[in-house]
Amino acid sequence: MENELKNNLEELSENDLEEVSGGKISFTKRPDRAGWIQHQVTANDTLIRIAKRYGIPNWRSIRDWNPHINHTTNMIRTGEWLWIKI
């Protein structure tokens, strides 16, 4: 399993790897949609933290761009992908 993970990480370009800290890896996919990226939620991510990371003034924008997020709980889960307008 360790070799499989190592091989998968080697296939990534520097643009795919956003942050490595404390053993956590955050990936950013670059979709074909111009002006948008996808962010993979990591442990301890919140909509507010993600908004700050990308310079988005209001975390509710991220919620509105991602209709799968429940507007009552605003809950996001580790591993899910969020659309971010840049």
C-alpha atoms as a PDB file:
ATOM      1  CA  MET A   1       0.000   0.000   0.000  1.00  0.00           C
ATOM      2  CA  GLU A   2       2.853   2.398   0.800  1.00  0.00           C
ATOM      3  CA  ASN A   3       4.367   1.863  -2.665  1.00  0.00           C
ATOM      4  CA  GLU A   4       0.977   2.495  -4.298  1.00  0.00           C
ATOM      5  CA  LEU A   5       0.616   5.815  -2.436  1.00  0.00           C
ATOM      6  CA  LYS A   6       4.183   6.794  -3.349  1.00  0.00           C
ATOM      7  CA  ASN A   7       3.531   6.024  -7.029  1.00  0.00           C
ATOM      8  CA  ASN A   8       0.315   8.066  -6.987  1.00  0.00           C
ATOM      9  CA  LEU A   9       2.091  11.050  -5.426  1.00  0.00           C
ATOM     10  CA  GLU A  10       4.901  10.854  -7.990  1.00  0.00           C
ATOM     11  CA  GLU A  11       2.354  11.166 -10.816  1.00  0.00           C
ATOM     12  CA  LEU A  12       1.144  14.530  -9.521  1.00  0.00           C
ATOM     13  CA  SER A  13       2.569  17.737 -10.877  1.00  0.00           C
ATOM     14  CA  GLU A  14       3.641  20.588  -8.617  1.00  0.00           C
ATOM     15  CA  ASN A  15       0.445  22.434  -9.578  1.00  0.00           C
ATOM     16  CA  ASP A  16      -1.681  19.598  -8.191  1.00  0.00           C
ATOM     17  CA  LEU A  17      -0.025  19.596  -4.780  1.00  0.00           C
ATOM     18  CA  GLU A  18      -1.149  22.623  -2.819  1.00  0.00           C
ATOM     19  CA  GLU A  19      -0.028  22.114   0.738  1.00  0.00           C
ATOM     20  CA  VAL A  20       1.752  19.519   2.835  1.00  0.00           C
ATOM     21  CA  SER A  21       1.816  20.114   6.556  1.00  0.00           C
ATOM     22  CA  GLY A  22       1.499  17.885   9.575  1.00  0.00           C
ATOM     23  CA  GLY A  23       1.175  14.827   7.342  1.00  0.00           C
ATOM     24  CA  LYS A  24      -1.933  16.231   5.625  1.00  0.00           C
ATOM     25  CA  ILE A  25      -2.015  16.762   1.897  1.00  0.00           C
ATOM     26  CA  SER A  26      -4.471  19.083   0.180  1.00  0.00           C
ATOM     27  CA  PHE A  27      -4.991  18.725  -3.552  1.00  0.00           C
ATOM     28  CA  THR A  28      -6.363  21.251  -5.971  1.00  0.00           C
ATOM     29  CA  LYS A  29      -7.783  19.938  -9.245  1.00  0.00           C
ATOM     30  CA  ARG A  30      -7.746  22.236 -12.232  1.00  0.00           C
ATOM     31  CA  PRO A  31     -10.944  21.567 -14.178  1.00  0.00           C
ATOM     32  CA  ASP A  32     -11.649  22.560 -17.753  1.00  0.00           C
ATOM     33  CA  ARG A  33     -13.962  25.331 -16.531  1.00  0.00           C
ATOM     34  CA  ALA A  34     -12.015  28.569 -16.815  1.00  0.00           C
ATOM     35  CA  GLY A  35     -12.039  30.622 -13.638  1.00  0.00           C
ATOM     36  CA  TRP A  36     -12.833  27.665 -11.359  1.00  0.00           C
ATOM     37  CA  ILE A  37     -10.798  25.169  -9.358  1.00  0.00           C
ATOM     38  CA  GLN A  38     -11.793  22.253  -7.189  1.00  0.00           C
ATOM     39  CA  HIS A  39     -10.575  22.016  -3.606  1.00  0.00           C
ATOM     40  CA  GLN A  40     -10.512  18.727  -1.716  1.00  0.00           C
ATOM     41  CA  VAL A  41     -11.672  19.158   1.877  1.00  0.00           C
ATOM     42  CA  THR A  42      -9.144  18.020   4.484  1.00  0.00           C
ATOM     43  CA  ALA A  43      -9.534  17.399   8.210  1.00  0.00           C
ATOM     44  CA  ASN A  44     -10.305  20.593  10.135  1.00  0.00           C
ATOM     45  CA  ASP A  45     -11.287  22.508   6.981  1.00  0.00           C
ATOM     46  CA  THR A  46     -14.253  24.822   7.375  1.00  0.00           C
ATOM     47  CA  LEU A  47     -15.986  26.980   4.803  1.00  0.00           C
ATOM     48  CA  ILE A  48     -14.531  30.037   6.552  1.00  0.00           C
ATOM     49  CA  ARG A  49     -10.949  28.679   6.429  1.00  0.00           C
ATOM     50  CA  ILE A  50     -11.301  27.677   2.784  1.00  0.00           C
ATOM     51  CA  ALA A  51     -12.710  31.119   1.906  1.00  0.00           C
ATOM     52  CA  LYS A  52      -9.751  32.808   3.617  1.00  0.00           C
ATOM     53  CA  ARG A  53      -7.267  30.526   1.829  1.00  0.00           C
ATOM     54  CA  TYR A  54      -8.595  31.567  -1.587  1.00  0.00           C
ATOM     55  CA  GLY A  55      -9.313  35.208  -0.708  1.00  0.00           C
ATOM     56  CA  ILE A  56     -13.085  34.855  -0.956  1.00  0.00           C
ATOM     57  CA  PRO A  57     -14.745  37.553   1.168  1.00  0.00           C
ATOM     58  CA  ASN A  58     -17.839  35.525   2.106  1.00  0.00           C
ATOM     59  CA  TRP A  59     -17.868  31.795   2.931  1.00  0.00           C
ATOM     60  CA  ARG A  60     -21.524  31.622   1.849  1.00  0.00           C
ATOM     61  CA  SER A  61     -20.354  32.029  -1.748  1.00  0.00           C
ATOM     62  CA  ILE A  62     -18.615  28.645  -1.538  1.00  0.00           C
ATOM     63  CA  ARG A  63     -21.802  27.113  -0.161  1.00  0.00           C
ATOM     64  CA  ASP A  64     -23.840  28.648  -2.985  1.00  0.00           C
ATOM     65  CA  TRP A  65     -21.412  27.388  -5.647  1.00  0.00           C
ATOM     66  CA  ASN A  66     -21.731  23.839  -4.263  1.00  0.00           C
ATOM     67  CA  PRO A  67     -25.407  22.829  -4.114  1.00  0.00           C
ATOM     68  CA  HIS A  68     -24.565  19.511  -2.423  1.00  0.00           C
ATOM     69  CA  ILE A  69     -23.745  21.440   0.792  1.00  0.00           C
ATOM     70  CA  ASN A  70     -26.752  21.473   3.116  1.00  0.00           C
ATOM     71  CA  HIS A  71     -27.743  25.129   3.604  1.00  0.00           C
ATOM     72  CA  THR A  72     -29.084  24.384   7.082  1.00  0.00           C
ATOM     73  CA  THR A  73     -25.999  22.712   8.570  1.00  0.00           C
ATOM     74  CA  ASN A  74     -23.302  24.045   6.195  1.00  0.00           C
ATOM     75  CA  MET A  75     -21.487  20.755   6.839  1.00  0.00           C
ATOM     76  CA  ILE A  76     -18.600  19.691   4.619  1.00  0.00           C
ATOM     77  CA  ARG A  77     -16.841  16.342   4.844  1.00  0.00           C
ATOM     78  CA  THR A  78     -13.192  15.375   4.586  1.00  0.00           C
ATOM     79  CA  GLY A  79     -12.436  14.102   1.088  1.00  0.00           C
ATOM     80  CA  GLU A  80     -15.260  15.839  -0.754  1.00  0.00           C
ATOM     81  CA  TRP A  81     -14.519  18.243  -3.600  1.00  0.00           C
ATOM     82  CA  LEU A  82     -15.713  21.844  -3.626  1.00  0.00           C
ATOM     83  CA  TRP A  83     -15.912  24.194  -6.604  1.00  0.00           C
ATOM     84  CA  ILE A  84     -14.089  27.458  -5.950  1.00  0.00           C
ATOM     85  CA  LYS A  85     -14.436  30.467  -8.262  1.00  0.00           C
ATOM     86  CA  ILE A  86     -11.108  32.253  -8.657  1.00  0.00           C
END
